[in-house]
Amino acid sequence: MGAVVDIILPVFAIMLTGYLCGRFKVLGPASSQALNSFVYFVALPALFFVSMARVEIAEAFNGPFLIALGGGMLGGFGLAVLVGVFVFPNRLAALGLHGLCAIFSNTGYLGIPLLLIAFGEAGKLPAIVGTILTGAVVMPIGLAIIEVDLSQGSRPARIVANVVLGVAKSPLVLSAAFGLGISAIGWEVPSAIATFCDILGTAASPCALIAIGLFMANRSVTAGMLEVGWLVTIKLTVQPALTWWLAYVVMDMEPIWAAAAVILAALPTGALVFVLAQQYDIYVQRATATIMISTVVSLVTLSFLFAFLGVN
């Protein structure tokens, strides 16, 4: 449990720091939105671009791993939205973010160090592939759902055009696609540009976590606890259970890749869901509470999972 605590506790501490900065007026009410805009338009695009540009596409495509991790996401998302429609009814964009809260793992900030601790360098590639899957595939799907909602009332052709344009012009999608294009043609990013992106990318997670704390400074963390508790349950138990079944029962996977898929699925909700929610001003409080509570609860669930998988 010590290794899990050493990695997850600082994440919660950064959110708490943001909360205290807001509570004691060190940073004003507009600071959360300003930090969020910096993350969305500057830091994350830099991180996505340089991360994608460094990935060898051939090495990243591990079919069974993608099926196990992606299948767990798909199952968790479907269950969350299905229940959400009847139990927590809301507009389409909010339901989409409801589903993302239930499946979007904090792969970059937590997944990579946890897998490096668990498996050494052998865990690095699964962590990177999982980060690509969540950032370059799942996030555009969430964006598409939001754009469909925002385009309601238009003609079908106009809705399709708005969705495609909305997703295509997202700085997150553009930067990821550009980085993958650089990787595909075999170009190497110049060292000065790579360093520039690395420095900016490093700021993405702490700024997003500070923004989460600032947002909650004058709001109730306990509002909507039934819905938040449901989302945390899916994220930390249902999604990893589905992923485990796919990785260990349905498919014959390499042990490290199978265990990595389950660990990534069991991570708490990532801060990028908050970044997206606040950018569109939809479902912000629930997303924030889910991130904070799932992060704390994961101290226990991840420790149990490591013991269950026999990871020392």
C-alpha atoms as a PDB file:
ATOM      1  CA  MET A   1       0.000   0.000   0.000  1.00  0.00           C
ATOM      2  CA  GLY A   2       2.957   2.298   0.602  1.00  0.00           C
ATOM      3  CA  ALA A   3       3.780   2.643  -3.093  1.00  0.00           C
ATOM      4  CA  VAL A   4       0.144   3.416  -3.926  1.00  0.00           C
ATOM      5  CA  VAL A   5      -0.053   6.018  -1.170  1.00  0.00           C
ATOM      6  CA  ASP A   6       3.202   7.642  -2.288  1.00  0.00           C
ATOM      7  CA  ILE A   7       1.767   8.193  -5.775  1.00  0.00           C
ATOM      8  CA  ILE A   8      -1.908   8.961  -5.096  1.00  0.00           C
ATOM      9  CA  LEU A   9      -1.633  11.045  -1.925  1.00  0.00           C
ATOM     10  CA  PRO A  10       0.287  13.883  -3.661  1.00  0.00           C
ATOM     11  CA  VAL A  11      -2.478  14.058  -6.296  1.00  0.00           C
ATOM     12  CA  PHE A  12      -5.109  14.596  -3.616  1.00  0.00           C
ATOM     13  CA  ALA A  13      -2.780  17.007  -1.798  1.00  0.00           C
ATOM     14  CA  ILE A  14      -2.548  19.187  -4.930  1.00  0.00           C
ATOM     15  CA  MET A  15      -6.357  19.306  -5.158  1.00  0.00           C
ATOM     16  CA  LEU A  16      -6.498  20.187  -1.451  1.00  0.00           C
ATOM     17  CA  THR A  17      -3.948  22.962  -2.039  1.00  0.00           C
ATOM     18  CA  GLY A  18      -6.189  24.445  -4.729  1.00  0.00           C
ATOM     19  CA  TYR A  19      -9.164  24.170  -2.379  1.00  0.00           C
ATOM     20  CA  LEU A  20      -7.303  26.015   0.394  1.00  0.00           C
ATOM     21  CA  CYS A  21      -6.081  28.691  -2.026  1.00  0.00           C
ATOM     22  CA  GLY A  22      -9.683  29.351  -2.989  1.00  0.00           C
ATOM     23  CA  ARG A  23     -11.063  29.079   0.535  1.00  0.00           C
ATOM     24  CA  PHE A  24      -8.583  31.610   1.917  1.00  0.00           C
ATOM     25  CA  LYS A  25      -8.843  33.913  -1.125  1.00  0.00           C
ATOM     26  CA  VAL A  26      -5.218  33.431  -2.194  1.00  0.00           C
ATOM     27  CA  LEU A  27      -6.601  32.900  -5.702  1.00  0.00           C
ATOM     28  CA  GLY A  28      -9.824  34.540  -6.862  1.00  0.00           C
ATOM     29  CA  PRO A  29     -12.997  32.915  -8.246  1.00  0.00           C
ATOM     30  CA  ALA A  30     -11.851  33.355 -11.857  1.00  0.00           C
ATOM     31  CA  SER A  31      -8.596  31.474 -11.265  1.00  0.00           C
ATOM     32  CA  SER A  32     -10.129  28.019 -11.797  1.00  0.00           C
ATOM     33  CA  GLN A  33     -11.420  28.922 -15.261  1.00  0.00           C
ATOM     34  CA  ALA A  34      -8.155  30.648 -16.177  1.00  0.00           C
ATOM     35  CA  LEU A  35      -6.066  27.640 -15.163  1.00  0.00           C
ATOM     36  CA  ASN A  36      -8.479  25.319 -16.942  1.00  0.00           C
ATOM     37  CA  SER A  37      -8.185  27.328 -20.164  1.00  0.00           C
ATOM     38  CA  PHE A  38      -4.396  27.184 -19.925  1.00  0.00           C
ATOM     39  CA  VAL A  39      -4.543  23.408 -19.515  1.00  0.00           C
ATOM     40  CA  TYR A  40      -7.055  22.910 -22.344  1.00  0.00           C
ATOM     41  CA  PHE A  41      -5.526  25.228 -24.946  1.00  0.00           C
ATOM     42  CA  VAL A  42      -1.801  25.166 -24.098  1.00  0.00           C
ATOM     43  CA  ALA A  43      -0.456  22.534 -21.700  1.00  0.00           C
ATOM     44  CA  LEU A  44      -2.442  19.460 -22.759  1.00  0.00           C
ATOM     45  CA  PRO A  45      -1.996  20.031 -26.511  1.00  0.00           C
ATOM     46  CA  ALA A  46       1.762  20.268 -25.970  1.00  0.00           C
ATOM     47  CA  LEU A  47       1.697  17.079 -23.897  1.00  0.00           C
ATOM     48  CA  PHE A  48      -0.498  15.202 -26.393  1.00  0.00           C
ATOM     49  CA  PHE A  49       1.622  16.224 -29.354  1.00  0.00           C
ATOM     50  CA  VAL A  50       5.009  15.272 -27.977  1.00  0.00           C
ATOM     51  CA  SER A  51       3.689  12.051 -26.379  1.00  0.00           C
ATOM     52  CA  MET A  52       2.091  10.857 -29.619  1.00  0.00           C
ATOM     53  CA  ALA A  53       5.098  11.855 -31.703  1.00  0.00           C
ATOM     54  CA  ARG A  54       7.367   9.654 -29.582  1.00  0.00           C
ATOM     55  CA  VAL A  55       5.224   6.515 -29.801  1.00  0.00           C
ATOM     56  CA  GLU A  56       6.109   3.790 -32.264  1.00  0.00           C
ATOM     57  CA  ILE A  57       2.717   3.026 -33.809  1.00  0.00           C
ATOM     58  CA  ALA A  58       3.608  -0.592 -34.582  1.00  0.00           C
ATOM     59  CA  GLU A  59       4.638  -1.223 -30.969  1.00  0.00           C
ATOM     60  CA  ALA A  60       1.602   0.576 -29.581  1.00  0.00           C
ATOM     61  CA  PHE A  61      -0.922  -1.625 -31.398  1.00  0.00           C
ATOM     62  CA  ASN A  62      -1.413  -4.570 -29.051  1.00  0.00           C
ATOM     63  CA  GLY A  63      -4.794  -5.939 -30.101  1.00  0.00           C
ATOM     64  CA  PRO A  64      -5.702  -8.036 -27.011  1.00  0.00           C
ATOM     65  CA  PHE A  65      -4.627  -5.226 -24.662  1.00  0.00           C
ATOM     66  CA  LEU A  66      -6.707  -2.655 -26.545  1.00  0.00           C
ATOM     67  CA  ILE A  67      -9.708  -4.996 -26.579  1.00  0.00           C
ATOM     68  CA  ALA A  68      -9.458  -5.717 -22.844  1.00  0.00           C
ATOM     69  CA  LEU A  69      -8.966  -2.098 -21.790  1.00  0.00           C
ATOM     70  CA  GLY A  70     -11.338  -0.684 -24.401  1.00  0.00           C
ATOM     71  CA  GLY A  71     -13.954  -3.349 -23.703  1.00  0.00           C
ATOM     72  CA  GLY A  72     -13.928  -2.511 -20.007  1.00  0.00           C
ATOM     73  CA  MET A  73     -14.398   1.153 -20.886  1.00  0.00           C
ATOM     74  CA  LEU A  74     -17.233   0.410 -23.296  1.00  0.00           C
ATOM     75  CA  GLY A  75     -19.045  -1.813 -20.807  1.00  0.00           C
ATOM     76  CA  GLY A  76     -18.653   0.683 -17.970  1.00  0.00           C
ATOM     77  CA  PHE A  77     -19.763   3.584 -20.144  1.00  0.00           C
ATOM     78  CA  GLY A  78     -22.826   1.723 -21.404  1.00  0.00           C
ATOM     79  CA  LEU A  79     -23.882   0.695 -17.891  1.00  0.00           C
ATOM     80  CA  ALA A  80     -23.343   4.194 -16.475  1.00  0.00           C
ATOM     81  CA  VAL A  81     -25.332   5.926 -19.214  1.00  0.00           C
ATOM     82  CA  LEU A  82     -28.123   3.318 -19.187  1.00  0.00           C
ATOM     83  CA  VAL A  83     -28.656   3.758 -15.456  1.00  0.00           C
ATOM     84  CA  GLY A  84     -28.142   7.507 -15.770  1.00  0.00           C
ATOM     85  CA  VAL A  85     -30.977   7.878 -18.277  1.00  0.00           C
ATOM     86  CA  PHE A  86     -33.494   6.407 -15.823  1.00  0.00           C
ATOM     87  CA  VAL A  87     -32.059   7.205 -12.389  1.00  0.00           C
ATOM     88  CA  PHE A  88     -30.095  10.446 -12.988  1.00  0.00           C
ATOM     89  CA  PRO A  89     -31.842  11.964 -16.055  1.00  0.00           C
ATOM     90  CA  ASN A  90     -30.084  14.924 -17.633  1.00  0.00           C
ATOM     91  CA  ARG A  91     -29.291  16.490 -20.989  1.00  0.00           C
ATOM     92  CA  LEU A  92     -27.273  14.439 -23.484  1.00  0.00           C
ATOM     93  CA  ALA A  93     -23.971  16.268 -22.883  1.00  0.00           C
ATOM     94  CA  ALA A  94     -24.270  15.751 -19.119  1.00  0.00           C
ATOM     95  CA  LEU A  95     -25.050  12.060 -19.633  1.00  0.00           C
ATOM     96  CA  GLY A  96     -21.976  11.794 -21.853  1.00  0.00           C
ATOM     97  CA  LEU A  97     -19.823  13.350 -19.136  1.00  0.00           C
ATOM     98  CA  HIS A  98     -21.563  11.108 -16.605  1.00  0.00           C
ATOM     99  CA  GLY A  99     -20.319   8.139 -18.660  1.00  0.00           C
ATOM    100  CA  LEU A 100     -16.818   9.581 -19.005  1.00  0.00           C
ATOM    101  CA  CYS A 101     -16.565  10.038 -15.225  1.00  0.00           C
ATOM    102  CA  ALA A 102     -17.259   6.317 -14.879  1.00  0.00           C
ATOM    103  CA  ILE A 103     -14.498   5.140 -17.241  1.00  0.00           C
ATOM    104  CA  PHE A 104     -11.865   7.836 -17.862  1.00  0.00           C
ATOM    105  CA  SER A 105      -8.775   6.736 -15.927  1.00  0.00           C
ATOM    106  CA  ASN A 106      -5.995   8.999 -14.701  1.00  0.00           C
ATOM    107  CA  THR A 107      -3.531   7.059 -16.846  1.00  0.00           C
ATOM    108  CA  GLY A 108      -0.947   9.771 -17.410  1.00  0.00           C
ATOM    109  CA  TYR A 109      -0.441  11.084 -13.891  1.00  0.00           C
ATOM    110  CA  LEU A 110      -1.046   7.854 -11.958  1.00  0.00           C
ATOM    111  CA  GLY A 111      -0.934   4.961 -14.416  1.00  0.00           C
ATOM    112  CA  ILE A 112       2.607   5.436 -15.702  1.00  0.00           C
ATOM    113  CA  PRO A 113       4.336   5.657 -12.275  1.00  0.00           C
ATOM    114  CA  LEU A 114       2.236   2.803 -10.848  1.00  0.00           C
ATOM    115  CA  LEU A 115       3.074   0.467 -13.727  1.00  0.00           C
ATOM    116  CA  LEU A 116       6.740   1.431 -13.568  1.00  0.00           C
ATOM    117  CA  ILE A 117       6.750   0.520  -9.867  1.00  0.00           C
ATOM    118  CA  ALA A 118       4.882  -2.720 -10.515  1.00  0.00           C
ATOM    119  CA  PHE A 119       6.760  -3.984 -13.588  1.00  0.00           C
ATOM    120  CA  GLY A 120       9.774  -1.731 -14.138  1.00  0.00           C
ATOM    121  CA  GLU A 121      10.478  -0.640 -17.712  1.00  0.00           C
ATOM    122  CA  ALA A 122       8.223  -3.450 -18.991  1.00  0.00           C
ATOM    123  CA  GLY A 123       5.243  -1.508 -17.662  1.00  0.00           C
ATOM    124  CA  LYS A 124       6.055   1.700 -19.507  1.00  0.00           C
ATOM    125  CA  LEU A 125       4.666   0.769 -22.936  1.00  0.00           C
ATOM    126  CA  PRO A 126       1.282  -0.512 -21.649  1.00  0.00           C
ATOM    127  CA  ALA A 127       0.925   2.715 -19.665  1.00  0.00           C
ATOM    128  CA  ILE A 128       1.671   4.848 -22.725  1.00  0.00           C
ATOM    129  CA  VAL A 129      -0.728   2.847 -24.915  1.00  0.00           C
ATOM    130  CA  GLY A 130      -3.439   3.191 -22.262  1.00  0.00           C
ATOM    131  CA  THR A 131      -2.849   6.936 -22.137  1.00  0.00           C
ATOM    132  CA  ILE A 132      -3.181   7.148 -25.915  1.00  0.00           C
ATOM    133  CA  LEU A 133      -6.423   5.167 -25.839  1.00  0.00           C
ATOM    134  CA  THR A 134      -8.009   7.436 -23.239  1.00  0.00           C
ATOM    135  CA  GLY A 135      -6.702  10.703 -24.643  1.00  0.00           C
ATOM    136  CA  ALA A 136      -6.853  10.141 -28.397  1.00  0.00           C
ATOM    137  CA  VAL A 137      -9.895   7.846 -28.667  1.00  0.00           C
ATOM    138  CA  VAL A 138     -12.165   8.153 -25.629  1.00  0.00           C
ATOM    139  CA  MET A 139     -11.877  11.931 -25.255  1.00  0.00           C
ATOM    140  CA  PRO A 140     -12.939  12.658 -28.876  1.00  0.00           C
ATOM    141  CA  ILE A 141     -15.986  10.423 -28.317  1.00  0.00           C
ATOM    142  CA  GLY A 142     -16.901  12.532 -25.296  1.00  0.00           C
ATOM    143  CA  LEU A 143     -16.412  15.683 -27.348  1.00  0.00           C
ATOM    144  CA  ALA A 144     -18.663  14.276 -30.076  1.00  0.00           C
ATOM    145  CA  ILE A 145     -21.487  13.577 -27.601  1.00  0.00           C
ATOM    146  CA  ILE A 146     -21.282  17.135 -26.273  1.00  0.00           C
ATOM    147  CA  GLU A 147     -21.311  18.591 -29.786  1.00  0.00           C
ATOM    148  CA  VAL A 148     -24.378  16.500 -30.696  1.00  0.00           C
ATOM    149  CA  ASP A 149     -26.188  17.988 -27.706  1.00  0.00           C
ATOM    150  CA  LEU A 150     -25.140  21.528 -28.565  1.00  0.00           C
ATOM    151  CA  SER A 151     -26.358  21.033 -32.158  1.00  0.00           C
ATOM    152  CA  GLN A 152     -29.829  19.738 -31.252  1.00  0.00           C
ATOM    153  CA  GLY A 153     -32.587  21.446 -33.189  1.00  0.00           C
ATOM    154  CA  SER A 154     -30.516  21.613 -36.385  1.00  0.00           C
ATOM    155  CA  ARG A 155     -31.050  19.512 -39.463  1.00  0.00           C
ATOM    156  CA  PRO A 156     -29.325  16.085 -39.450  1.00  0.00           C
ATOM    157  CA  ALA A 157     -26.726  17.151 -42.004  1.00  0.00           C
ATOM    158  CA  ARG A 158     -25.963  20.263 -39.970  1.00  0.00           C
ATOM    159  CA  ILE A 159     -25.669  18.200 -36.752  1.00  0.00           C
ATOM    160  CA  VAL A 160     -23.139  15.869 -38.410  1.00  0.00           C
ATOM    161  CA  ALA A 161     -21.176  18.835 -39.753  1.00  0.00           C
ATOM    162  CA  ASN A 162     -21.177  20.560 -36.357  1.00  0.00           C
ATOM    163  CA  VAL A 163     -20.028  17.403 -34.590  1.00  0.00           C
ATOM    164  CA  VAL A 164     -17.210  16.736 -37.038  1.00  0.00           C
ATOM    165  CA  LEU A 165     -16.091  20.368 -36.939  1.00  0.00           C
ATOM    166  CA  GLY A 166     -16.375  20.576 -33.146  1.00  0.00           C
ATOM    167  CA  VAL A 167     -14.234  17.485 -32.631  1.00  0.00           C
ATOM    168  CA  ALA A 168     -11.782  18.318 -35.411  1.00  0.00           C
ATOM    169  CA  LYS A 169     -11.067  21.810 -34.099  1.00  0.00           C
ATOM    170  CA  SER A 170     -10.471  20.651 -30.526  1.00  0.00           C
ATOM    171  CA  PRO A 171      -6.869  21.470 -29.549  1.00  0.00           C
ATOM    172  CA  LEU A 172      -6.643  18.070 -27.847  1.00  0.00           C
ATOM    173  CA  VAL A 173      -7.652  16.148 -30.956  1.00  0.00           C
ATOM    174  CA  LEU A 174      -5.591  18.314 -33.305  1.00  0.00           C
ATOM    175  CA  SER A 175      -2.420  17.993 -31.226  1.00  0.00           C
ATOM    176  CA  ALA A 176      -2.812  14.224 -30.818  1.00  0.00           C
ATOM    177  CA  ALA A 177      -3.485  13.716 -34.537  1.00  0.00           C
ATOM    178  CA  PHE A 178      -0.530  15.893 -35.503  1.00  0.00           C
ATOM    179  CA  GLY A 179       1.749  13.992 -33.138  1.00  0.00           C
ATOM    180  CA  LEU A 180       0.616  10.622 -34.488  1.00  0.00           C
ATOM    181  CA  GLY A 181       1.187  11.916 -38.010  1.00  0.00           C
ATOM    182  CA  ILE A 182       4.749  12.889 -37.115  1.00  0.00           C
ATOM    183  CA  SER A 183       5.291   9.415 -35.670  1.00  0.00           C
ATOM    184  CA  ALA A 184       3.769   7.683 -38.694  1.00  0.00           C
ATOM    185  CA  ILE A 185       6.106   9.353 -41.182  1.00  0.00           C
ATOM    186  CA  GLY A 186       9.143   8.751 -38.993  1.00  0.00           C
ATOM    187  CA  TRP A 187      10.092  12.344 -38.309  1.00  0.00           C
ATOM    188  CA  GLU A 188      11.900  13.175 -35.088  1.00  0.00           C
ATOM    189  CA  VAL A 189      10.724  16.217 -33.180  1.00  0.00           C
ATOM    190  CA  PRO A 190      13.612  18.737 -32.856  1.00  0.00           C
ATOM    191  CA  SER A 191      15.020  18.741 -29.355  1.00  0.00           C
ATOM    192  CA  ALA A 192      14.157  22.405 -28.704  1.00  0.00           C
ATOM    193  CA  ILE A 193      10.492  21.841 -29.644  1.00  0.00           C
ATOM    194  CA  ALA A 194      10.371  18.612 -27.640  1.00  0.00           C
ATOM    195  CA  THR A 195      11.777  20.370 -24.564  1.00  0.00           C
ATOM    196  CA  PHE A 196       9.298  23.226 -25.017  1.00  0.00           C
ATOM    197  CA  CYS A 197       6.406  20.724 -25.132  1.00  0.00           C
ATOM    198  CA  ASP A 198       7.776  18.722 -22.211  1.00  0.00           C
ATOM    199  CA  ILE A 199       7.945  21.808 -19.990  1.00  0.00           C
ATOM    200  CA  LEU A 200       4.410  22.887 -20.881  1.00  0.00           C
ATOM    201  CA  GLY A 201       3.074  19.343 -20.652  1.00  0.00           C
ATOM    202  CA  THR A 202       4.468  18.916 -17.161  1.00  0.00           C
ATOM    203  CA  ALA A 203       2.261  21.808 -16.035  1.00  0.00           C
ATOM    204  CA  ALA A 204      -0.961  20.192 -17.288  1.00  0.00           C
ATOM    205  CA  SER A 205      -1.740  17.840 -14.409  1.00  0.00           C
ATOM    206  CA  PRO A 206      -0.877  20.083 -11.441  1.00  0.00           C
ATOM    207  CA  CYS A 207      -2.713  23.053 -12.975  1.00  0.00           C
ATOM    208  CA  ALA A 208      -5.811  20.925 -13.652  1.00  0.00           C
ATOM    209  CA  LEU A 209      -5.723  19.539 -10.102  1.00  0.00           C
ATOM    210  CA  ILE A 210      -5.335  23.022  -8.605  1.00  0.00           C
ATOM    211  CA  ALA A 211      -8.286  24.175 -10.749  1.00  0.00           C
ATOM    212  CA  ILE A 212     -10.386  21.295  -9.384  1.00  0.00           C
ATOM    213  CA  GLY A 213      -9.653  22.354  -5.808  1.00  0.00           C
ATOM    214  CA  LEU A 214     -10.390  26.014  -6.599  1.00  0.00           C
ATOM    215  CA  PHE A 215     -13.712  25.089  -8.177  1.00  0.00           C
ATOM    216  CA  MET A 216     -14.799  23.166  -5.077  1.00  0.00           C
ATOM    217  CA  ALA A 217     -13.707  25.902  -2.625  1.00  0.00           C
ATOM    218  CA  ASN A 218     -17.145  27.513  -2.550  1.00  0.00           C
ATOM    219  CA  ARG A 219     -19.252  24.486  -3.476  1.00  0.00           C
ATOM    220  CA  SER A 220     -20.498  21.423  -1.671  1.00  0.00           C
ATOM    221  CA  VAL A 221     -18.427  18.305  -2.255  1.00  0.00           C
ATOM    222  CA  THR A 222     -21.307  16.202  -0.953  1.00  0.00           C
ATOM    223  CA  ALA A 223     -23.931  17.447  -3.431  1.00  0.00           C
ATOM    224  CA  GLY A 224     -25.304  14.593  -5.549  1.00  0.00           C
ATOM    225  CA  MET A 225     -23.504  11.950  -3.506  1.00  0.00           C
ATOM    226  CA  LEU A 226     -25.794   9.156  -4.697  1.00  0.00           C
ATOM    227  CA  GLU A 227     -24.815   9.812  -8.306  1.00  0.00           C
ATOM    228  CA  VAL A 228     -21.158  10.367  -7.461  1.00  0.00           C
ATOM    229  CA  GLY A 229     -21.060   7.183  -5.401  1.00  0.00           C
ATOM    230  CA  TRP A 230     -22.539   5.256  -8.316  1.00  0.00           C
ATOM    231  CA  LEU A 231     -19.894   6.620 -10.685  1.00  0.00           C
ATOM    232  CA  VAL A 232     -17.050   5.856  -8.258  1.00  0.00           C
ATOM    233  CA  THR A 233     -18.367   2.295  -7.861  1.00  0.00           C
ATOM    234  CA  ILE A 234     -18.319   1.728 -11.620  1.00  0.00           C
ATOM    235  CA  LYS A 235     -14.898   3.313 -11.997  1.00  0.00           C
ATOM    236  CA  LEU A 236     -13.120   1.445  -9.222  1.00  0.00           C
ATOM    237  CA  THR A 237     -14.911  -1.927  -9.259  1.00  0.00           C
ATOM    238  CA  VAL A 238     -17.092  -2.602 -12.315  1.00  0.00           C
ATOM    239  CA  GLN A 239     -14.674  -1.367 -15.000  1.00  0.00           C
ATOM    240  CA  PRO A 240     -11.627  -3.243 -13.625  1.00  0.00           C
ATOM    241  CA  ALA A 241     -13.762  -6.386 -13.136  1.00  0.00           C
ATOM    242  CA  LEU A 242     -14.897  -6.282 -16.770  1.00  0.00           C
ATOM    243  CA  THR A 243     -11.325  -5.665 -17.898  1.00  0.00           C
ATOM    244  CA  TRP A 244     -10.038  -8.557 -15.763  1.00  0.00           C
ATOM    245  CA  TRP A 245     -12.626 -10.900 -17.309  1.00  0.00           C
ATOM    246  CA  LEU A 246     -11.626  -9.875 -20.833  1.00  0.00           C
ATOM    247  CA  ALA A 247      -7.887 -10.022 -20.122  1.00  0.00           C
ATOM    248  CA  TYR A 248      -7.729 -13.262 -18.133  1.00  0.00           C
ATOM    249  CA  VAL A 249     -10.768 -15.285 -19.201  1.00  0.00           C
ATOM    250  CA  VAL A 250     -11.703 -14.271 -22.739  1.00  0.00           C
ATOM    251  CA  MET A 251      -8.220 -13.726 -24.185  1.00  0.00           C
ATOM    252  CA  ASP A 252      -4.807 -15.269 -23.741  1.00  0.00           C
ATOM    253  CA  MET A 253      -2.652 -12.246 -22.938  1.00  0.00           C
ATOM    254  CA  GLU A 254       0.922 -11.802 -21.791  1.00  0.00           C
ATOM    255  CA  PRO A 255       0.866 -11.589 -17.960  1.00  0.00           C
ATOM    256  CA  ILE A 256       2.293  -8.073 -17.724  1.00  0.00           C
ATOM    257  CA  TRP A 257      -0.053  -6.676 -20.380  1.00  0.00           C
ATOM    258  CA  ALA A 258      -3.062  -8.366 -18.757  1.00  0.00           C
ATOM    259  CA  ALA A 259      -2.235  -7.048 -15.285  1.00  0.00           C
ATOM    260  CA  ALA A 260      -1.456  -3.595 -16.714  1.00  0.00           C
ATOM    261  CA  ALA A 261      -4.867  -3.429 -18.394  1.00  0.00           C
ATOM    262  CA  VAL A 262      -6.639  -4.208 -15.128  1.00  0.00           C
ATOM    263  CA  ILE A 263      -4.562  -1.704 -13.132  1.00  0.00           C
ATOM    264  CA  LEU A 264      -5.197   1.062 -15.674  1.00  0.00           C
ATOM    265  CA  ALA A 265      -8.921   0.292 -15.609  1.00  0.00           C
ATOM    266  CA  ALA A 266      -8.918   0.525 -11.800  1.00  0.00           C
ATOM    267  CA  LEU A 267      -7.367   4.002 -11.628  1.00  0.00           C
ATOM    268  CA  PRO A 268      -9.481   6.897 -10.310  1.00  0.00           C
ATOM    269  CA  THR A 269     -11.219   9.313 -12.672  1.00  0.00           C
ATOM    270  CA  GLY A 270      -8.760  11.578 -14.488  1.00  0.00           C
ATOM    271  CA  ALA A 271      -8.667  15.362 -14.208  1.00  0.00           C
ATOM    272  CA  LEU A 272      -9.188  15.729 -17.966  1.00  0.00           C
ATOM    273  CA  VAL A 273     -12.919  15.049 -17.436  1.00  0.00           C
ATOM    274  CA  PHE A 274     -13.065  18.169 -15.257  1.00  0.00           C
ATOM    275  CA  VAL A 275     -11.123  20.136 -17.866  1.00  0.00           C
ATOM    276  CA  LEU A 276     -13.687  19.176 -20.521  1.00  0.00           C
ATOM    277  CA  ALA A 277     -16.691  19.760 -18.238  1.00  0.00           C
ATOM    278  CA  GLN A 278     -15.552  23.223 -17.191  1.00  0.00           C
ATOM    279  CA  GLN A 279     -14.625  24.158 -20.751  1.00  0.00           C
ATOM    280  CA  TYR A 280     -18.259  23.563 -21.791  1.00  0.00           C
ATOM    281  CA  ASP A 281     -19.713  24.543 -18.369  1.00  0.00           C
ATOM    282  CA  ILE A 282     -21.654  21.276 -18.169  1.00  0.00           C
ATOM    283  CA  TYR A 283     -21.676  18.712 -15.315  1.00  0.00           C
ATOM    284  CA  VAL A 284     -18.761  20.410 -13.560  1.00  0.00           C
ATOM    285  CA  GLN A 285     -19.685  19.782  -9.915  1.00  0.00           C
ATOM    286  CA  ARG A 286     -20.405  16.072 -10.357  1.00  0.00           C
ATOM    287  CA  ALA A 287     -17.235  15.544 -12.404  1.00  0.00           C
ATOM    288  CA  THR A 288     -15.156  17.345  -9.792  1.00  0.00           C
ATOM    289  CA  ALA A 289     -16.611  15.395  -6.879  1.00  0.00           C
ATOM    290  CA  THR A 290     -16.137  12.087  -8.723  1.00  0.00           C
ATOM    291  CA  ILE A 291     -12.464  12.859  -9.363  1.00  0.00           C
ATOM    292  CA  MET A 292     -11.799  13.848  -5.755  1.00  0.00           C
ATOM    293  CA  ILE A 293     -13.658  10.958  -4.111  1.00  0.00           C
ATOM    294  CA  SER A 294     -12.455   8.271  -6.526  1.00  0.00           C
ATOM    295  CA  THR A 295      -8.873   9.424  -5.916  1.00  0.00           C
ATOM    296  CA  VAL A 296      -9.216   8.983  -2.153  1.00  0.00           C
ATOM    297  CA  VAL A 297     -11.074   5.643  -2.348  1.00  0.00           C
ATOM    298  CA  SER A 298      -8.545   4.265  -4.844  1.00  0.00           C
ATOM    299  CA  LEU A 299      -5.931   4.231  -2.090  1.00  0.00           C
ATOM    300  CA  VAL A 300      -7.756   1.183  -0.740  1.00  0.00           C
ATOM    301  CA  THR A 301      -9.019  -0.402  -3.958  1.00  0.00           C
ATOM    302  CA  LEU A 302      -5.685  -0.223  -5.787  1.00  0.00           C
ATOM    303  CA  SER A 303      -3.820  -1.659  -2.793  1.00  0.00           C
ATOM    304  CA  PHE A 304      -6.262  -4.571  -2.745  1.00  0.00           C
ATOM    305  CA  LEU A 305      -5.921  -5.012  -6.511  1.00  0.00           C
ATOM    306  CA  PHE A 306      -2.120  -5.150  -6.355  1.00  0.00           C
ATOM    307  CA  ALA A 307      -2.392  -7.915  -3.739  1.00  0.00           C
ATOM    308  CA  PHE A 308      -5.037  -9.757  -5.796  1.00  0.00           C
ATOM    309  CA  LEU A 309      -2.846  -9.667  -8.917  1.00  0.00           C
ATOM    310  CA  GLY A 310       0.216 -10.742  -6.953  1.00  0.00           C
ATOM    311  CA  VAL A 311       2.149  -7.560  -7.791  1.00  0.00           C
ATOM    312  CA  ASN A 312       5.005  -6.982  -5.340  1.00  0.00           C
END
